[in-house]
Protein backbone atom coordinates (compact mmCIF):
# COMPACT_ATOMS: atom_id res chain seq x y z
CA MET A 1 -15.97 -5.30 -29.19
CA VAL A 2 -12.89 -6.22 -30.54
CA MET A 3 -14.05 -9.98 -30.62
CA ASP A 4 -17.10 -11.41 -31.25
CA THR A 5 -18.03 -13.73 -27.88
CA GLU A 6 -20.68 -14.98 -29.72
CA THR A 7 -18.15 -17.90 -31.10
CA ILE A 8 -18.26 -19.43 -27.68
CA LYS A 9 -17.52 -22.84 -29.48
CA ASP A 10 -13.88 -21.38 -30.11
CA TYR A 11 -13.71 -20.71 -26.24
CA ARG A 12 -11.03 -23.05 -24.44
CA CYS A 13 -11.26 -24.34 -20.53
CA GLU A 14 -8.20 -23.75 -18.33
CA ARG A 15 -7.82 -24.98 -14.63
CA LYS A 16 -4.93 -23.56 -13.02
CA PHE A 17 -2.97 -25.06 -9.80
CA LEU A 18 -0.49 -23.56 -7.67
CA VAL A 19 2.49 -25.02 -6.53
CA ASP A 20 4.70 -24.01 -3.10
CA GLN A 21 6.16 -27.06 -1.65
CA MET A 22 7.96 -28.29 -4.76
CA ASP A 23 10.76 -27.35 -7.15
CA VAL A 24 10.46 -27.18 -10.75
CA TYR A 25 11.88 -30.59 -11.42
CA GLN A 26 9.56 -32.37 -8.81
CA VAL A 27 6.73 -30.46 -10.96
CA MET A 28 7.94 -31.72 -14.29
CA MET A 29 8.25 -35.23 -12.66
CA THR A 30 5.01 -35.42 -11.54
CA VAL A 31 3.49 -34.14 -14.90
CA LYS A 32 5.64 -37.03 -16.86
CA LEU A 33 4.37 -39.43 -14.54
CA HIS A 34 0.38 -38.94 -15.21
CA PRO A 35 -1.31 -41.69 -16.17
CA ALA A 36 -2.44 -39.60 -19.28
CA ILE A 37 1.10 -39.32 -20.47
CA PHE A 38 2.14 -36.28 -20.75
CA ILE A 39 5.37 -35.53 -23.24
CA GLN A 40 7.15 -32.21 -23.42
CA ARG A 41 6.18 -31.01 -26.92
CA TYR A 42 8.43 -27.67 -26.87
CA PRO A 43 11.51 -26.28 -25.53
CA PRO A 44 10.79 -23.83 -22.46
CA ARG A 45 11.30 -20.29 -22.83
CA TYR A 46 10.69 -16.77 -21.51
CA ILE A 47 7.70 -15.08 -22.00
CA ASN A 48 7.33 -11.09 -21.23
CA ASN A 49 4.40 -9.02 -20.86
CA ILE A 50 3.32 -5.64 -20.65
CA TYR A 51 -0.67 -5.51 -19.47
CA PHE A 52 -2.92 -2.58 -20.43
CA ASP A 53 -5.80 -1.18 -18.76
CA THR A 54 -8.31 1.37 -18.31
CA LYS A 55 -8.14 4.76 -16.30
CA ASP A 56 -10.06 3.03 -13.80
CA MET A 57 -8.24 -0.20 -13.54
CA SER A 58 -11.66 -2.30 -14.75
CA TYR A 59 -10.05 -5.02 -15.98
CA TYR A 60 -7.89 -5.37 -12.93
CA HIS A 61 -11.12 -4.95 -10.41
CA ASP A 62 -13.27 -7.82 -12.98
CA ASN A 63 -10.67 -10.06 -12.68
CA VAL A 64 -10.60 -9.33 -9.20
CA THR A 65 -14.26 -9.59 -8.46
CA GLY A 66 -14.36 -12.65 -10.64
CA ALA A 67 -17.33 -11.08 -13.09
CA LYS A 68 -18.71 -13.55 -15.47
CA GLU A 69 -17.04 -11.43 -18.53
CA ARG A 70 -13.06 -11.11 -17.93
CA ARG A 71 -10.50 -9.45 -20.13
CA LYS A 72 -6.59 -8.86 -20.20
CA ILE A 73 -5.19 -7.12 -22.90
CA ARG A 74 -1.14 -7.70 -22.72
CA LEU A 75 1.71 -6.88 -25.57
CA ARG A 76 3.62 -10.41 -25.34
CA TRP A 77 7.21 -11.46 -26.27
CA TYR A 78 9.71 -14.30 -26.07
CA GLY A 79 13.39 -14.49 -24.81
CA ASP A 80 15.33 -11.64 -23.35
CA MET A 81 13.52 -9.05 -21.63
CA LYS A 82 15.43 -6.02 -23.42
CA GLY A 83 16.53 -5.28 -26.62
CA SER A 84 14.95 -5.32 -30.33
CA ASN A 85 12.41 -8.05 -30.73
CA ALA A 86 10.63 -8.36 -34.32
CA GLY A 87 7.34 -10.53 -33.25
CA PRO A 88 5.87 -8.51 -30.41
CA VAL A 89 1.97 -9.66 -30.19
CA LEU A 90 -0.79 -7.65 -29.06
CA GLU A 91 -2.90 -10.16 -27.29
CA PHE A 92 -6.55 -10.04 -26.35
CA LYS A 93 -7.51 -12.63 -23.83
CA ILE A 94 -11.09 -12.75 -23.25
CA LYS A 95 -12.95 -15.21 -20.63
CA ASP A 96 -16.47 -15.82 -20.20
CA GLY A 97 -17.13 -17.75 -17.02
CA PHE A 98 -15.14 -20.85 -16.84
CA VAL A 99 -13.90 -20.56 -20.92
CA GLY A 100 -11.72 -18.06 -22.76
CA THR A 101 -10.14 -17.30 -25.97
CA LYS A 102 -7.66 -14.98 -27.41
CA GLU A 103 -7.17 -12.86 -30.13
CA HIS A 104 -3.41 -12.16 -31.51
CA HIS A 105 -2.34 -9.03 -33.51
CA ARG A 106 1.64 -8.98 -34.82
CA LEU A 107 3.25 -5.74 -34.24
CA ARG A 108 5.96 -4.13 -36.24
CA GLU A 109 9.54 -4.30 -34.65
CA MET A 110 9.76 -3.03 -30.82
CA VAL A 111 13.04 -2.37 -28.94
CA PHE A 112 12.51 -2.84 -25.19
CA LYS A 113 14.60 -0.59 -22.62
CA ASP A 114 15.01 0.80 -19.11
CA GLY A 115 12.70 4.32 -19.44
CA LEU A 116 10.99 3.36 -22.27
CA PRO A 117 8.08 6.13 -22.88
CA SER A 118 4.46 5.22 -23.03
CA ASP A 119 3.72 7.02 -26.25
CA TYR A 120 6.07 4.31 -27.92
CA PHE A 121 3.88 1.56 -27.22
CA ASN A 122 1.10 3.79 -29.11
CA GLU A 123 2.85 4.85 -31.80
CA THR A 124 3.80 0.80 -32.46
CA ILE A 125 0.58 0.19 -32.57
CA GLU A 126 -0.51 2.86 -34.71
CA ARG A 127 2.13 2.14 -37.28
CA SER A 128 1.29 -1.21 -37.11
CA ASP A 129 -0.93 -3.24 -39.78
CA ILE A 130 -3.66 -4.54 -37.38
CA PRO A 131 -7.26 -3.85 -37.30
CA GLN A 132 -8.77 0.08 -37.14
CA ASP A 133 -10.73 -1.01 -34.10
CA VAL A 134 -7.89 -2.64 -31.99
CA LYS A 135 -5.80 1.07 -32.30
CA TYR A 136 -8.97 2.91 -31.49
CA LEU A 137 -9.32 0.55 -27.86
CA ILE A 138 -5.74 0.54 -26.89
CA ARG A 139 -5.78 4.61 -27.16
CA ASP A 140 -7.69 4.43 -24.05
CA LEU A 141 -5.73 2.33 -22.20
CA ASP A 142 -2.31 2.75 -20.21
CA PRO A 143 0.52 0.31 -19.08
CA VAL A 144 0.25 -0.99 -15.49
CA ILE A 145 2.51 -3.59 -15.08
CA ALA A 146 5.01 -6.09 -17.28
CA ASN A 147 6.15 -9.49 -15.94
CA ARG A 148 8.10 -12.00 -16.84
CA TYR A 149 8.35 -16.08 -16.30
CA HIS A 150 9.96 -19.19 -17.35
CA ARG A 151 7.41 -22.10 -19.02
CA PHE A 152 7.72 -25.50 -19.89
CA TYR A 153 5.21 -27.08 -22.06
CA PHE A 154 3.40 -30.50 -22.29
CA GLU A 155 0.90 -32.01 -24.18
CA THR A 156 -0.74 -35.71 -24.33
CA VAL A 157 -0.04 -37.92 -26.84
CA ASP A 158 -3.10 -37.12 -28.66
CA GLY A 159 -2.99 -33.55 -28.28
CA ARG A 160 -6.39 -32.73 -26.43
CA PHE A 161 -4.75 -31.77 -23.40
CA ARG A 162 -1.87 -29.48 -22.55
CA ILE A 163 -0.01 -28.07 -19.33
CA THR A 164 2.07 -25.41 -19.20
CA VAL A 165 4.67 -24.83 -16.15
CA ASP A 166 5.45 -21.46 -15.04
CA GLU A 167 8.58 -20.63 -12.91
CA GLU A 168 10.64 -17.53 -12.04
CA MET A 169 7.60 -15.33 -12.10
CA SER A 170 8.66 -11.15 -11.72
CA TYR A 171 6.96 -8.04 -11.97
CA TYR A 172 7.76 -4.67 -12.45
CA ASN A 173 6.24 -1.24 -12.38
CA ILE A 174 4.69 0.32 -15.38
CA SER A 175 3.23 3.36 -15.95
CA ARG A 176 2.17 6.39 -18.12
CA PHE A 177 5.08 8.28 -16.75
CA SER A 178 7.55 5.64 -15.30
CA ASN A 179 8.65 2.62 -17.50
CA ASN A 180 11.57 0.86 -15.74
CA PHE A 181 12.47 -2.99 -16.10
CA ARG A 182 15.36 -2.67 -13.76
CA TYR A 183 13.33 -3.12 -10.66
CA SER A 184 11.04 -5.79 -9.82
CA PHE A 185 9.19 -7.83 -7.12
CA ASP A 186 10.54 -11.56 -7.83
CA ASP A 187 8.36 -14.56 -6.82
CA ASN A 188 10.72 -17.67 -6.51
CA ARG A 189 8.64 -19.72 -4.34
CA ASN A 190 5.07 -20.32 -6.39
CA ILE A 191 4.94 -22.10 -9.47
CA ILE A 192 1.69 -21.91 -11.09
CA ILE A 193 0.13 -25.11 -13.54
CA GLU A 194 -2.16 -24.50 -16.17
CA LEU A 195 -4.26 -27.29 -17.61
CA LYS A 196 -5.84 -26.37 -20.83
CA TYR A 197 -8.43 -28.15 -23.39
CA ASP A 198 -11.31 -27.81 -25.67
CA LYS A 199 -14.89 -26.52 -24.22
CA GLU A 200 -16.38 -29.85 -25.41
CA ILE A 201 -13.98 -32.71 -23.57
CA ASP A 202 -14.77 -30.60 -20.06
CA HIS A 203 -16.07 -33.99 -18.70
CA ILE A 204 -13.14 -35.51 -18.71
CA ALA A 205 -10.69 -32.88 -17.47
CA SER A 206 -12.04 -33.56 -14.12
CA ARG A 207 -9.93 -37.25 -14.22
CA ILE A 208 -7.02 -35.53 -15.60
CA SER A 209 -6.80 -32.68 -12.92
CA GLN A 210 -7.95 -35.38 -9.88
CA SER A 211 -4.50 -37.09 -10.62
CA LEU A 212 -2.20 -33.83 -9.96
CA PRO A 213 -1.43 -33.09 -6.46
CA PHE A 214 -1.97 -29.82 -6.53
CA SER A 215 -4.19 -27.19 -5.24
CA VAL A 216 -6.68 -25.48 -7.47
CA THR A 217 -6.52 -21.88 -7.76
CA LYS A 218 -8.03 -18.70 -9.33
CA ASN A 219 -4.37 -17.06 -9.80
CA SER A 220 -4.32 -14.45 -12.28
CA LYS A 221 -0.71 -13.26 -13.05
CA TYR A 222 -2.00 -9.93 -13.92
CA VAL A 223 -3.58 -9.50 -10.77
CA GLN A 224 -0.98 -11.10 -8.55
CA GLY A 225 1.54 -8.50 -10.29
CA VAL A 226 -0.51 -5.43 -9.37
CA GLU A 227 -0.66 -6.13 -5.82
CA SER A 228 2.77 -7.04 -5.76
CA VAL A 229 4.21 -3.99 -6.86
CA TYR A 230 1.63 -1.25 -6.36
CA LEU A 231 -0.38 -2.77 -3.10
């Protein structure tokens, strides 16, 4: 294990909502009118990810079946999808039931482009200043999909609850043999909202979510991406 999963006090809760009958401006207005008073804390930005999985796609299957312990490993960067990026981050997202935590490792500069060879990922990770056990784990994983979306950030005044609003989701087929960011499956209909908060205040979160007129979902962008570009 890369992470000590016993540190449960560091885990956070996350509730997801799917919106397919509003545009992003209607969604944002709904969030701003919430009685808990959410304000837009940070400017919106584009998020890009490449997800990795085992040879038998165990991370994907665990997320589909709803296994208690689930893991996602992704390479994340912000802004333009293609070109040089000085701060890509290798992120481990681990869920234990309804709570989760993240571990981050900043990598050396990478250049993202069409036809990017899969060995480039491993070479960059090997040359980055990150723990050796992380490098060992990544060696046995393959890049599976890439995705990209536009995110808005909201937070209550006391900072205890956070909401993110994701739109313009695109998914790309990525593999060990063919890495091409040119062709994508674009989902411009659905908007994903995530309510995030510390585990200790889960009893309050129900009142927060009840004032959001959206459908609760188990949506996983990784699962959605795999099923959009492979199935």
